[in-house]
Amino acid sequence: MPSPCPAIVDFQASLPAAESFRPAAERILAGDPSQAAWNLFATGDGRFNCGIWTSEAGSWRVAFTENEFCHLLEGVILVKGDDGSEWRFSAGQAFVAPAGFTGTWTVLEPARKFYAVYE
């Protein structure tokens, strides 16, 4: 007998409880970037995840071990690479933070994004 077809994940449906967190204290550079994530889909091996993320204003160090696609829905963020590169993103814009990227992530205005992460 064939296995059942997996269900479609609707990002506009009612959300489950969020996971609330902050970056590790030693990584925070400014503000109080409290965050929440609704991980709406994960593969069985845990290598691919996607959902919705929010953050209050603040700045922290980042070191990506994963590749992350981001589509900013609300807010403004500033991403600076340790190599001196700099990007500013606002609602409606999308980007990828590749594995190996290091630098700072600054939320200038409270932000909300769709994310898709591949580890």
N, C-alpha and C. Protein backbone atom coordinates (compact mmCIF):
# COMPACT_ATOMS: atom_id res chain seq x y z
N MET A 1 0.84 -1.18 0.00
CA MET A 1 0.00 0.00 0.00
C MET A 1 0.89 1.25 0.00
N PRO A 2 0.60 2.24 -0.87
CA PRO A 2 1.44 3.44 -0.91
C PRO A 2 1.33 4.23 0.38
N SER A 3 2.44 4.91 0.72
CA SER A 3 2.42 5.75 1.93
C SER A 3 1.62 7.02 1.65
N PRO A 4 1.01 7.60 2.69
CA PRO A 4 0.20 8.80 2.49
C PRO A 4 1.07 9.98 2.06
N CYS A 5 0.46 10.87 1.31
CA CYS A 5 1.15 12.07 0.85
C CYS A 5 1.35 13.02 2.04
N PRO A 6 2.56 13.58 2.22
CA PRO A 6 2.77 14.53 3.31
C PRO A 6 1.85 15.75 3.15
N ALA A 7 1.48 16.34 4.24
CA ALA A 7 0.61 17.51 4.22
C ALA A 7 1.39 18.77 3.83
N ILE A 8 0.72 19.66 3.15
CA ILE A 8 1.28 20.97 2.83
C ILE A 8 1.35 21.78 4.13
N VAL A 9 2.41 22.56 4.29
CA VAL A 9 2.56 23.42 5.46
C VAL A 9 2.15 24.83 5.07
N ASP A 10 1.08 25.32 5.68
CA ASP A 10 0.52 26.65 5.40
C ASP A 10 1.06 27.66 6.40
N PHE A 11 1.89 28.58 5.95
CA PHE A 11 2.49 29.58 6.83
C PHE A 11 1.47 30.64 7.29
N GLN A 12 0.31 30.69 6.68
CA GLN A 12 -0.72 31.64 7.08
C GLN A 12 -1.71 31.04 8.08
N ALA A 13 -1.60 29.76 8.35
CA ALA A 13 -2.51 29.08 9.28
C ALA A 13 -2.19 29.51 10.71
N SER A 14 -3.01 29.09 11.65
CA SER A 14 -2.75 29.38 13.06
C SER A 14 -1.39 28.82 13.44
N LEU A 15 -0.63 29.61 14.17
CA LEU A 15 0.72 29.20 14.54
C LEU A 15 0.72 28.43 15.85
N PRO A 16 1.60 27.44 15.96
CA PRO A 16 1.78 26.75 17.25
C PRO A 16 2.47 27.71 18.22
N ALA A 17 2.72 27.27 19.42
CA ALA A 17 3.46 28.08 20.39
C ALA A 17 4.86 28.36 19.85
N ALA A 18 5.34 29.57 20.09
CA ALA A 18 6.67 29.96 19.63
C ALA A 18 7.73 29.53 20.63
N GLU A 19 8.94 29.36 20.13
CA GLU A 19 10.10 29.16 20.98
C GLU A 19 10.73 30.54 21.18
N SER A 20 10.82 31.02 22.39
CA SER A 20 11.42 32.33 22.67
C SER A 20 12.86 32.15 23.13
N PHE A 21 13.75 33.07 22.72
CA PHE A 21 15.17 32.95 23.06
C PHE A 21 15.86 34.28 22.81
N ARG A 22 17.12 34.35 23.19
CA ARG A 22 18.01 35.48 22.91
C ARG A 22 19.34 34.89 22.46
N PRO A 23 20.13 35.69 21.73
CA PRO A 23 21.49 35.21 21.44
C PRO A 23 22.23 35.00 22.77
N ALA A 24 23.27 34.20 22.75
CA ALA A 24 24.09 34.01 23.95
C ALA A 24 24.60 35.37 24.42
N ALA A 25 24.61 35.58 25.72
CA ALA A 25 24.97 36.88 26.31
C ALA A 25 26.29 37.41 25.79
N GLU A 26 27.28 36.53 25.59
CA GLU A 26 28.59 36.99 25.13
C GLU A 26 28.58 37.46 23.67
N ARG A 27 27.52 37.15 22.93
CA ARG A 27 27.41 37.58 21.52
C ARG A 27 26.64 38.90 21.38
N ILE A 28 25.86 39.29 22.38
CA ILE A 28 25.04 40.51 22.28
C ILE A 28 25.94 41.74 22.36
N LEU A 29 25.79 42.65 21.39
CA LEU A 29 26.59 43.87 21.33
C LEU A 29 25.80 45.10 21.76
N ALA A 30 24.48 45.09 21.55
CA ALA A 30 23.65 46.24 21.90
C ALA A 30 22.20 45.81 22.00
N GLY A 31 21.44 46.51 22.84
CA GLY A 31 20.00 46.27 22.95
C GLY A 31 19.68 44.97 23.68
N ASP A 32 18.43 44.58 23.54
CA ASP A 32 17.92 43.34 24.14
C ASP A 32 17.16 42.60 23.04
N PRO A 33 17.90 41.92 22.15
CA PRO A 33 17.26 41.29 20.99
C PRO A 33 16.50 40.00 21.32
N SER A 34 15.40 40.16 22.06
CA SER A 34 14.58 38.98 22.34
C SER A 34 13.97 38.50 21.03
N GLN A 35 13.92 37.19 20.86
CA GLN A 35 13.51 36.60 19.60
C GLN A 35 12.49 35.49 19.83
N ALA A 36 11.77 35.17 18.78
CA ALA A 36 10.83 34.04 18.81
C ALA A 36 10.88 33.36 17.45
N ALA A 37 10.68 32.05 17.45
CA ALA A 37 10.66 31.30 16.20
C ALA A 37 9.53 30.28 16.25
N TRP A 38 8.88 30.15 15.12
CA TRP A 38 7.87 29.13 14.90
C TRP A 38 8.44 28.22 13.82
N ASN A 39 9.06 27.12 14.21
CA ASN A 39 9.61 26.19 13.23
C ASN A 39 8.44 25.35 12.71
N LEU A 40 8.02 25.62 11.48
CA LEU A 40 6.81 25.02 10.94
C LEU A 40 7.05 23.74 10.16
N PHE A 41 8.31 23.49 9.79
CA PHE A 41 8.62 22.27 9.05
C PHE A 41 10.06 21.87 9.33
N ALA A 42 10.29 20.59 9.50
CA ALA A 42 11.64 20.05 9.65
C ALA A 42 11.68 18.68 8.98
N THR A 43 12.77 18.40 8.29
CA THR A 43 12.94 17.07 7.72
C THR A 43 13.28 16.08 8.84
N GLY A 44 13.08 14.82 8.58
CA GLY A 44 13.35 13.79 9.57
C GLY A 44 14.77 13.80 10.09
N ASP A 45 15.73 14.18 9.24
CA ASP A 45 17.13 14.21 9.68
C ASP A 45 17.51 15.53 10.34
N GLY A 46 16.57 16.50 10.38
CA GLY A 46 16.81 17.78 11.04
C GLY A 46 17.72 18.73 10.28
N ARG A 47 18.08 18.40 9.04
CA ARG A 47 19.01 19.26 8.29
C ARG A 47 18.33 20.41 7.57
N PHE A 48 17.02 20.31 7.32
CA PHE A 48 16.28 21.38 6.65
C PHE A 48 15.12 21.78 7.55
N ASN A 49 15.03 23.08 7.85
CA ASN A 49 13.97 23.63 8.70
C ASN A 49 13.49 24.94 8.10
N CYS A 50 12.21 25.24 8.29
CA CYS A 50 11.71 26.53 7.85
C CYS A 50 10.56 26.97 8.75
N GLY A 51 10.36 28.27 8.78
CA GLY A 51 9.32 28.82 9.62
C GLY A 51 9.33 30.33 9.63
N ILE A 52 8.92 30.88 10.76
CA ILE A 52 8.81 32.33 10.94
C ILE A 52 9.64 32.73 12.16
N TRP A 53 10.35 33.84 12.07
CA TRP A 53 11.22 34.35 13.12
C TRP A 53 10.90 35.80 13.37
N THR A 54 10.96 36.23 14.62
CA THR A 54 10.81 37.65 14.96
C THR A 54 11.92 38.05 15.91
N SER A 55 12.24 39.35 15.92
CA SER A 55 13.25 39.86 16.83
C SER A 55 12.96 41.31 17.17
N GLU A 56 13.25 41.66 18.41
CA GLU A 56 13.24 43.05 18.84
C GLU A 56 14.57 43.68 18.44
N ALA A 57 14.67 45.00 18.56
CA ALA A 57 15.89 45.71 18.18
C ALA A 57 17.08 45.28 19.03
N GLY A 58 18.22 45.21 18.39
CA GLY A 58 19.46 44.84 19.06
C GLY A 58 20.49 44.40 18.05
N SER A 59 21.70 44.13 18.54
CA SER A 59 22.80 43.73 17.68
C SER A 59 23.58 42.61 18.34
N TRP A 60 24.01 41.62 17.53
CA TRP A 60 24.77 40.50 18.07
C TRP A 60 25.69 39.91 17.00
N ARG A 61 26.72 39.21 17.46
CA ARG A 61 27.66 38.52 16.59
C ARG A 61 27.00 37.26 16.05
N VAL A 62 27.30 36.94 14.80
CA VAL A 62 26.79 35.72 14.18
C VAL A 62 27.94 34.94 13.55
N ALA A 63 27.79 33.62 13.52
CA ALA A 63 28.71 32.72 12.83
C ALA A 63 27.85 31.60 12.28
N PHE A 64 27.53 31.66 10.99
CA PHE A 64 26.61 30.71 10.37
C PHE A 64 27.29 29.38 10.06
N THR A 65 26.76 28.29 10.60
CA THR A 65 27.19 26.95 10.22
C THR A 65 26.23 26.40 9.17
N GLU A 66 25.10 27.07 9.00
CA GLU A 66 24.04 26.67 8.08
C GLU A 66 23.91 27.68 6.95
N ASN A 67 23.21 27.27 5.88
CA ASN A 67 22.81 28.19 4.82
C ASN A 67 21.38 28.61 5.15
N GLU A 68 21.12 29.92 5.16
CA GLU A 68 19.78 30.38 5.52
C GLU A 68 19.23 31.36 4.49
N PHE A 69 18.06 31.02 3.94
CA PHE A 69 17.30 31.93 3.09
C PHE A 69 16.37 32.72 4.00
N CYS A 70 16.35 34.04 3.82
CA CYS A 70 15.51 34.93 4.62
C CYS A 70 14.66 35.79 3.70
N HIS A 71 13.37 35.92 4.01
CA HIS A 71 12.49 36.86 3.33
C HIS A 71 11.91 37.74 4.42
N LEU A 72 12.38 38.99 4.48
CA LEU A 72 11.97 39.91 5.54
C LEU A 72 10.56 40.41 5.28
N LEU A 73 9.68 40.20 6.25
CA LEU A 73 8.28 40.60 6.15
C LEU A 73 8.02 41.95 6.79
N GLU A 74 8.74 42.25 7.86
CA GLU A 74 8.59 43.50 8.61
C GLU A 74 9.96 43.91 9.13
N GLY A 75 10.13 45.21 9.34
CA GLY A 75 11.33 45.71 9.99
C GLY A 75 12.47 46.04 9.07
N VAL A 76 13.60 46.38 9.70
CA VAL A 76 14.83 46.73 8.99
C VAL A 76 15.98 46.07 9.74
N ILE A 77 16.86 45.41 8.98
CA ILE A 77 18.05 44.81 9.58
C ILE A 77 19.29 45.24 8.81
N LEU A 78 20.40 45.25 9.52
CA LEU A 78 21.69 45.58 8.95
C LEU A 78 22.62 44.40 9.23
N VAL A 79 23.22 43.85 8.18
CA VAL A 79 24.13 42.71 8.31
C VAL A 79 25.51 43.19 7.87
N LYS A 80 26.50 43.01 8.75
CA LYS A 80 27.88 43.40 8.44
C LYS A 80 28.77 42.18 8.54
N GLY A 81 29.55 41.96 7.49
CA GLY A 81 30.51 40.86 7.48
C GLY A 81 31.81 41.27 8.13
N ASP A 82 32.51 40.31 8.70
CA ASP A 82 33.82 40.60 9.28
C ASP A 82 34.82 41.08 8.22
N ASP A 83 34.50 40.87 6.94
CA ASP A 83 35.36 41.32 5.85
C ASP A 83 35.09 42.77 5.45
N GLY A 84 34.17 43.46 6.17
CA GLY A 84 33.85 44.85 5.88
C GLY A 84 32.62 45.03 4.99
N SER A 85 32.07 43.96 4.47
CA SER A 85 30.87 44.05 3.64
C SER A 85 29.68 44.47 4.52
N GLU A 86 28.67 45.07 3.88
CA GLU A 86 27.51 45.56 4.64
C GLU A 86 26.26 45.53 3.77
N TRP A 87 25.15 45.06 4.33
CA TRP A 87 23.87 45.01 3.63
C TRP A 87 22.78 45.51 4.55
N ARG A 88 21.85 46.25 4.00
CA ARG A 88 20.67 46.73 4.74
C ARG A 88 19.44 46.14 4.04
N PHE A 89 18.58 45.48 4.79
CA PHE A 89 17.38 44.87 4.24
C PHE A 89 16.15 45.40 4.96
N SER A 90 15.09 45.60 4.18
CA SER A 90 13.82 46.05 4.75
C SER A 90 12.70 45.14 4.24
N ALA A 91 11.52 45.33 4.79
CA ALA A 91 10.37 44.49 4.46
C ALA A 91 10.23 44.31 2.95
N GLY A 92 10.01 43.06 2.54
CA GLY A 92 9.85 42.73 1.13
C GLY A 92 11.11 42.22 0.47
N GLN A 93 12.25 42.40 1.11
CA GLN A 93 13.51 41.96 0.52
C GLN A 93 13.89 40.56 1.01
N ALA A 94 14.68 39.86 0.19
CA ALA A 94 15.11 38.50 0.51
C ALA A 94 16.60 38.37 0.27
N PHE A 95 17.23 37.43 1.00
CA PHE A 95 18.66 37.21 0.86
C PHE A 95 19.02 35.84 1.43
N VAL A 96 20.26 35.41 1.16
CA VAL A 96 20.79 34.17 1.72
C VAL A 96 22.03 34.52 2.53
N ALA A 97 22.09 34.00 3.76
CA ALA A 97 23.29 34.06 4.59
C ALA A 97 23.95 32.68 4.46
N PRO A 98 25.11 32.60 3.80
CA PRO A 98 25.72 31.29 3.55
C PRO A 98 26.48 30.75 4.76
N ALA A 99 26.58 29.44 4.82
CA ALA A 99 27.40 28.80 5.84
C ALA A 99 28.80 29.38 5.77
N GLY A 100 29.39 29.67 6.91
CA GLY A 100 30.72 30.26 6.97
C GLY A 100 30.72 31.76 7.16
N PHE A 101 29.55 32.41 6.95
CA PHE A 101 29.47 33.86 7.14
C PHE A 101 29.66 34.20 8.61
N THR A 102 30.50 35.18 8.90
CA THR A 102 30.67 35.70 10.26
C THR A 102 30.58 37.21 10.23
N GLY A 103 30.02 37.77 11.28
CA GLY A 103 29.88 39.22 11.36
C GLY A 103 28.90 39.62 12.43
N THR A 104 28.13 40.69 12.14
CA THR A 104 27.12 41.16 13.08
C THR A 104 25.76 41.25 12.39
N TRP A 105 24.74 41.03 13.18
CA TRP A 105 23.35 41.09 12.74
C TRP A 105 22.70 42.13 13.64
N THR A 106 22.19 43.21 13.04
CA THR A 106 21.57 44.29 13.81
C THR A 106 20.13 44.49 13.36
N VAL A 107 19.20 44.36 14.28
CA VAL A 107 17.80 44.64 14.00
C VAL A 107 17.58 46.11 14.37
N LEU A 108 17.37 46.95 13.36
CA LEU A 108 17.18 48.39 13.57
C LEU A 108 15.73 48.72 13.94
N GLU A 109 14.79 47.96 13.36
CA GLU A 109 13.37 48.08 13.68
C GLU A 109 12.86 46.66 13.88
N PRO A 110 11.99 46.42 14.87
CA PRO A 110 11.51 45.06 15.11
C PRO A 110 11.21 44.34 13.79
N ALA A 111 11.70 43.10 13.69
CA ALA A 111 11.68 42.38 12.42
C ALA A 111 10.91 41.08 12.52
N ARG A 112 10.40 40.66 11.34
CA ARG A 112 9.71 39.38 11.18
C ARG A 112 10.12 38.85 9.81
N LYS A 113 10.46 37.55 9.74
CA LYS A 113 10.89 36.99 8.46
C LYS A 113 10.41 35.56 8.33
N PHE A 114 10.31 35.11 7.08
CA PHE A 114 10.23 33.70 6.76
C PHE A 114 11.68 33.23 6.64
N TYR A 115 11.97 32.04 7.11
CA TYR A 115 13.32 31.50 6.95
C TYR A 115 13.25 30.05 6.45
N ALA A 116 14.31 29.67 5.76
CA ALA A 116 14.53 28.28 5.35
C ALA A 116 16.01 28.02 5.58
N VAL A 117 16.31 27.04 6.43
CA VAL A 117 17.68 26.75 6.85
C VAL A 117 18.06 25.35 6.39
N TYR A 118 19.24 25.25 5.79
CA TYR A 118 19.80 23.93 5.45
C TYR A 118 21.15 23.80 6.14
N GLU A 119 21.27 22.83 6.99
CA GLU A 119 22.51 22.59 7.76
C GLU A 119 23.33 21.53 7.06
